[in-house]
Protein backbone atom coordinates (compact mmCIF):
# COMPACT_ATOMS: atom_id res chain seq x y z
CA MET A 1 78.66 86.30 91.50
CA LYS A 2 81.55 83.96 92.14
CA ILE A 3 84.63 85.66 93.60
CA LEU A 4 87.96 83.84 93.56
CA LEU A 5 90.14 85.03 96.44
CA LEU A 6 93.82 84.12 96.26
CA GLY A 7 96.10 84.35 99.29
CA LYS A 8 93.41 83.55 101.84
CA ASN A 9 95.88 83.06 104.71
CA GLY A 10 97.74 86.37 104.46
CA GLN A 11 96.95 89.47 106.47
CA ILE A 12 94.72 91.03 103.81
CA GLY A 13 93.34 87.74 102.53
CA HIS A 14 92.25 86.75 106.03
CA GLU A 15 90.12 89.92 106.28
CA LEU A 16 88.83 89.69 102.70
CA ARG A 17 87.23 86.33 103.47
CA ARG A 18 84.84 88.35 105.64
CA SER A 19 84.49 91.64 103.76
CA LEU A 20 83.75 90.13 100.32
CA LEU A 21 80.85 87.95 101.51
CA PRO A 22 78.12 90.55 100.83
CA LEU A 23 79.24 90.77 97.20
CA GLY A 24 78.83 87.13 96.23
CA THR A 25 80.04 83.59 96.76
CA VAL A 26 83.68 83.66 97.88
CA VAL A 27 85.97 80.78 96.96
CA ALA A 28 89.13 81.33 99.00
CA LEU A 29 92.31 79.51 98.02
CA GLY A 30 95.72 79.36 99.66
CA ARG A 31 99.12 78.27 98.42
CA GLN A 32 98.24 74.57 98.51
CA GLU A 33 95.29 75.03 96.17
CA ALA A 34 96.77 77.78 93.97
CA ASP A 35 100.52 78.29 94.24
CA LEU A 36 101.36 81.51 92.39
CA ALA A 37 104.91 80.27 91.89
CA ASP A 38 103.50 77.49 89.68
CA ALA A 39 101.93 79.04 86.58
CA GLY A 40 100.47 75.72 85.46
CA GLN A 41 98.75 75.08 88.76
CA LEU A 42 97.46 78.65 88.85
CA SER A 43 96.02 78.40 85.34
CA ALA A 44 94.38 75.09 86.20
CA ALA A 45 92.81 76.61 89.31
CA LEU A 46 91.41 79.49 87.28
CA GLU A 47 89.89 77.17 84.70
CA ALA A 48 88.46 74.88 87.37
CA GLN A 49 86.87 77.71 89.37
CA ALA A 50 85.72 79.85 86.41
CA PRO A 51 85.26 82.95 88.60
CA ASP A 52 83.31 86.09 87.81
CA MET A 53 85.92 88.13 89.68
CA ILE A 54 89.48 87.59 90.91
CA VAL A 55 90.86 89.22 94.06
CA ASN A 56 94.57 88.55 94.42
CA ALA A 57 95.84 89.05 97.96
CA ALA A 58 98.78 86.66 97.48
CA ALA A 59 102.28 88.05 97.07
CA TYR A 60 105.95 87.51 97.79
CA THR A 61 106.33 90.00 100.64
CA ALA A 62 109.68 88.99 102.18
CA VAL A 63 111.22 92.29 101.15
CA ASP A 64 114.80 91.60 102.26
CA LYS A 65 114.81 87.95 101.19
CA ALA A 66 113.75 89.01 97.71
CA GLU A 67 117.16 90.62 97.19
CA SER A 68 118.72 87.15 97.19
CA ASP A 69 115.68 85.34 95.77
CA PRO A 70 114.66 87.48 92.77
CA VAL A 71 113.48 84.57 90.62
CA MET A 72 110.83 83.51 93.11
CA ALA A 73 109.81 87.08 93.84
CA ARG A 74 109.29 87.72 90.13
CA ALA A 75 107.42 84.44 89.62
CA ILE A 76 104.84 85.39 92.26
CA ASN A 77 104.67 89.18 92.01
CA THR A 78 104.98 89.56 88.24
CA ASP A 79 104.62 86.35 86.24
CA ALA A 80 101.61 85.01 88.17
CA VAL A 81 99.92 88.40 87.98
CA ARG A 82 100.37 88.33 84.20
CA VAL A 83 98.57 84.96 84.16
CA LEU A 84 95.71 86.44 86.19
CA ALA A 85 95.50 89.51 83.96
CA ARG A 86 95.33 87.45 80.78
CA TYR A 87 92.60 85.26 82.23
CA ALA A 88 90.66 88.34 83.36
CA ARG A 89 90.96 89.89 79.89
CA ASP A 90 90.02 86.72 78.01
CA HIS A 91 87.02 86.00 80.24
CA GLY A 92 85.83 89.56 80.85
CA VAL A 93 86.16 89.44 84.63
CA LEU A 94 87.38 92.08 87.07
CA LEU A 95 90.82 91.64 88.63
CA VAL A 96 91.61 93.27 91.98
CA GLN A 97 95.34 93.41 92.73
CA TYR A 98 97.27 94.88 95.67
CA SER A 99 100.49 96.80 95.25
CA THR A 100 102.80 98.81 97.43
CA ASP A 101 104.53 102.07 98.30
CA TYR A 102 107.80 100.29 97.37
CA VAL A 103 107.14 101.07 93.69
CA PHE A 104 108.33 104.62 94.53
CA ASP A 105 111.83 105.72 95.51
CA GLY A 106 110.58 107.95 98.32
CA ALA A 107 112.55 110.99 97.13
CA GLN A 108 109.46 113.13 96.55
CA GLY A 109 108.61 115.60 99.29
CA THR A 110 104.83 115.28 98.99
CA PRO A 111 102.42 112.31 99.08
CA TYR A 112 102.53 110.22 95.91
CA GLN A 113 99.57 110.28 93.56
CA PRO A 114 98.61 107.19 91.51
CA GLY A 115 99.95 108.68 88.28
CA ASP A 116 103.35 109.70 89.63
CA ALA A 117 106.41 108.09 88.06
CA THR A 118 107.59 104.91 89.74
CA ASN A 119 111.22 104.19 90.55
CA PRO A 120 111.52 101.15 92.84
CA LEU A 121 114.74 100.73 94.80
CA SER A 122 114.42 97.02 95.64
CA VAL A 123 113.75 93.69 93.96
CA TYR A 124 110.41 93.53 95.76
CA GLY A 125 109.46 96.98 94.50
CA VAL A 126 110.51 96.17 90.94
CA THR A 127 108.52 92.93 90.83
CA LYS A 128 105.41 94.64 92.23
CA ARG A 129 105.76 97.50 89.75
CA ASP A 130 106.15 95.02 86.91
CA GLY A 131 103.04 93.22 88.14
CA GLU A 132 101.13 96.48 87.85
CA SER A 133 102.47 96.95 84.31
CA ALA A 134 101.45 93.42 83.33
CA ILE A 135 97.87 94.21 84.34
CA LEU A 136 97.75 97.58 82.59
CA ASP A 137 99.34 96.16 79.43
CA SER A 138 96.84 93.30 79.28
CA GLY A 139 93.88 95.62 78.88
CA CYS A 140 91.79 93.73 81.43
CA ARG A 141 89.33 95.41 83.78
CA ALA A 142 91.27 95.91 86.99
CA LEU A 143 91.56 97.76 90.25
CA ILE A 144 95.15 98.05 91.46
CA LEU A 145 95.19 99.18 95.09
CA ARG A 146 98.53 100.39 96.44
CA THR A 147 98.88 100.35 100.20
CA SER A 148 101.61 100.61 102.85
CA TRP A 149 102.79 99.49 106.29
CA VAL A 150 100.14 96.77 106.66
CA HIS A 151 99.31 95.45 110.12
CA SER A 152 96.73 93.19 111.75
CA ALA A 153 96.30 90.76 114.61
CA HIS A 154 96.77 87.96 112.05
CA GLY A 155 100.16 87.18 110.51
CA GLY A 156 103.53 88.82 110.96
CA ASN A 157 103.98 92.60 110.95
CA PHE A 158 105.78 95.52 112.59
CA VAL A 159 103.21 96.02 115.36
CA LYS A 160 103.59 92.41 116.50
CA THR A 161 107.36 92.65 116.30
CA ILE A 162 107.49 95.77 118.46
CA LEU A 163 105.32 94.21 121.14
CA ARG A 164 107.56 91.15 121.20
CA LEU A 165 110.77 93.18 121.38
CA ALA A 166 109.36 95.45 124.09
CA ARG A 167 108.75 92.36 126.23
CA GLU A 168 112.28 91.08 125.66
CA ARG A 169 114.41 94.25 125.85
CA ASP A 170 114.80 97.31 128.06
CA ALA A 171 115.34 99.67 125.12
CA LEU A 172 114.83 99.69 121.36
CA ASN A 173 116.41 101.63 118.48
CA ILE A 174 113.91 102.30 115.69
CA VAL A 175 114.30 104.11 112.35
CA ALA A 176 112.84 107.63 112.48
CA ASP A 177 113.48 109.01 108.97
CA GLN A 178 111.00 106.92 106.96
CA HIS A 179 107.48 108.35 106.79
CA GLY A 180 104.19 106.63 106.00
CA ALA A 181 100.73 105.66 107.17
CA PRO A 182 100.28 102.35 109.01
CA THR A 183 97.25 100.71 107.42
CA SER A 184 95.27 97.80 108.81
CA ALA A 185 94.32 94.75 106.77
CA GLU A 186 90.81 95.23 108.13
CA LEU A 187 90.55 98.71 106.61
CA ILE A 188 92.03 97.53 103.32
CA ALA A 189 89.54 94.68 103.07
CA ASP A 190 86.52 96.80 103.96
CA VAL A 191 87.41 99.57 101.50
CA THR A 192 88.14 96.95 98.83
CA ALA A 193 84.54 95.76 99.08
CA HIS A 194 83.31 99.34 98.70
CA ALA A 195 85.63 99.87 95.72
CA ILE A 196 84.41 96.73 93.95
CA ALA A 197 80.77 97.70 94.44
CA ALA A 198 81.47 101.23 93.18
CA SER A 199 83.33 99.97 90.11
CA GLN A 200 80.42 97.68 89.26
CA ARG A 201 78.02 100.61 89.16
CA GLY A 202 80.48 102.80 87.26
CA ALA A 203 81.25 105.14 90.16
CA LEU A 204 84.96 104.26 90.38
CA PRO A 205 87.24 104.15 87.33
CA HIS A 206 89.46 101.14 86.78
CA GLY A 207 93.21 101.50 87.18
CA ILE A 208 95.54 102.38 90.03
CA HIS A 209 94.32 103.85 93.32
CA HIS A 210 95.97 104.40 96.68
CA LEU A 211 94.46 102.90 99.82
CA THR A 212 95.98 103.81 103.17
CA ALA A 213 94.87 105.23 106.49
CA GLN A 214 95.14 108.99 106.90
CA GLY A 215 97.84 110.92 108.69
CA GLU A 216 101.47 109.94 108.88
CA THR A 217 104.17 108.84 111.27
CA THR A 218 107.59 107.17 111.26
CA TRP A 219 108.54 103.65 112.30
CA HIS A 220 109.89 105.23 115.50
CA GLY A 221 106.63 107.10 116.07
CA LEU A 222 104.62 103.96 115.43
CA ALA A 223 106.74 101.93 117.84
CA ARG A 224 106.32 104.50 120.62
CA TYR A 225 102.57 104.62 119.97
CA VAL A 226 102.21 100.83 120.07
CA VAL A 227 104.13 100.52 123.33
CA SER A 228 102.20 103.38 124.95
CA ARG A 229 98.89 101.80 123.97
CA ALA A 230 99.90 98.37 125.24
CA LEU A 231 101.06 99.79 128.57
CA ARG A 232 97.74 101.62 128.99
CA GLN A 233 96.03 98.27 128.43
CA GLY A 234 97.95 96.81 131.33
CA VAL A 235 100.43 94.75 129.33
CA ALA A 236 103.72 94.02 131.10
CA LEU A 237 106.58 95.30 128.97
CA ARG A 238 110.24 95.82 129.78
CA ALA A 239 110.64 98.79 127.43
CA SER A 240 108.69 102.00 127.92
CA ALA A 241 107.87 104.46 125.13
CA GLY A 242 110.67 106.69 126.40
CA ALA A 243 113.15 103.85 125.97
CA ILE A 244 112.48 103.68 122.22
CA HIS A 245 115.25 105.73 120.63
CA PRO A 246 115.28 107.25 117.12
CA ILE A 247 117.95 106.20 114.65
CA THR A 248 118.53 106.85 110.95
CA THR A 249 118.14 104.47 108.04
CA GLN A 250 121.92 104.45 107.71
CA ASP A 251 122.18 103.26 111.31
CA TYR A 252 120.13 100.16 110.47
CA PRO A 253 121.15 98.88 107.02
CA LEU A 254 119.02 96.16 105.45
CA PRO A 255 119.40 94.22 102.17
CA ALA A 256 116.43 96.01 100.56
CA VAL A 257 116.39 99.80 100.32
CA ARG A 258 113.22 101.33 101.76
CA PRO A 259 111.58 104.50 100.43
CA ARG A 260 111.99 107.41 102.86
CA ASN A 261 108.61 108.83 101.83
CA SER A 262 105.83 106.22 101.70
CA ARG A 263 102.97 108.71 101.94
CA LEU A 264 100.26 107.98 99.36
CA ASP A 265 97.52 110.37 98.23
CA THR A 266 94.21 108.47 98.53
CA ARG A 267 91.80 111.01 97.03
CA SER A 268 91.27 109.18 93.71
CA LEU A 269 89.72 106.41 95.78
CA SER A 270 88.13 108.10 98.78
CA ASP A 271 86.47 110.95 96.86
CA PRO A 272 84.43 108.80 94.40
CA LEU A 273 83.52 106.40 97.23
CA LYS A 274 82.59 109.31 99.51
CA LEU A 275 84.60 107.69 102.29
CA GLN A 276 86.40 109.36 105.16
CA LEU A 277 89.40 107.14 105.71
CA PRO A 278 90.35 107.04 109.41
CA ASP A 279 93.57 108.26 110.96
CA TRP A 280 96.22 105.55 111.26
CA THR A 281 95.92 105.54 115.06
CA VAL A 282 92.34 104.20 114.97
CA HIS A 283 93.20 100.77 113.61
CA VAL A 284 96.57 100.55 115.33
CA ASP A 285 94.58 100.82 118.56
CA ARG A 286 92.37 97.98 117.37
CA THR A 287 95.32 95.79 116.40
CA VAL A 288 97.13 96.37 119.71
CA ASP A 289 93.95 95.76 121.68
CA GLN A 290 93.24 92.53 119.82
CA LEU A 291 96.78 91.27 120.31
CA THR A 292 96.94 92.16 123.99
CA SER A 293 93.47 90.78 124.74
CA LEU A 294 94.43 87.50 123.08
CA GLU A 295 97.58 87.38 125.19
CA GLN A 296 95.83 88.21 128.44
CA SER A 297 93.11 85.63 127.86
CA ALA A 298 95.59 82.88 126.99
C-alpha cells in the first residue's frame, strides 16, 4: 500500500513518518513538493503519486495570524482539504485528516463528544470546521481525528515556549481558566496507525473521532508541570514553578478567541481500538526530557 503523507515537517507529520511505516510505503511530502495553498500543485501531486491512502498532517496553524490572514487559512484548511476529499472519493482511497478543539466554543461544561454541535470562535476554528464539512459532504472514506494542545520535541509549541521563557524571566503569568489535555505528536501518530489498521479491518467506523491524552489541566498547570520537571532534570532556569502565576483569559487578550473548555471525549476511538490512552503527564515528561537532554548534550 502506498501512503501519501502531507505536511511531513510539522509536529505530527514528523512522527507519522515513523509510525506509518509498518502499514505500507510512505511517500512524505512537504510544502515544496505539495503546497496546500496551491490547489493546482496539490492536484498534480496527487495525480503523480496515485496513493492508496492520504494522510494530511499539513495545516495553517498560526491561530492568531489567521485572524488577519483568513484567505490563506481557508485555502489551506478548507479548500485544499476539499481537493483531497474529492480525490479520495473519486479514487476510492482513505483520507486521514486532523482537526482541532477550536471547532467548539468551549462553553459546554463536560468533555465534547464527536457528534456535539460545533461553534468555532476564531478564523482558524471556522476553517478547520469547514474542512471537516468538506470531507463529510464529499462522501469519501475518511477518518477525521480531532486533537488538542499538541506538543513534541520537534517544531514550535507551548512546552518549548515555557522552557525558553523560564530561562529568560524570573516569573511568568499564564492563563489558568482554559482547560484541556496536552497531547503529544508521538501519541497522535502512534494511535493514528492503530486507527488506520482498525478501519481497514472494519473495527473502526469512518467519520469523526477525538484523539487526546487522558486527564486535564490548564495552561497554567501545564507550565508549572513543565518547569518542575525540567528543574528535576537539572536544567538551570530563572523561574521556579512557584513563580508561575495564574491569570485569566481576559488578562491576556489575543487576536483569536480560545475555547475555555477544550476537553474531548475519546471513547469512540479508544473503545473500538481497545487502547488505554495515557495521562497527559506521561508524554509531557517525554517531551521535556527530550528537549532538556538535547540542550545538555549540545
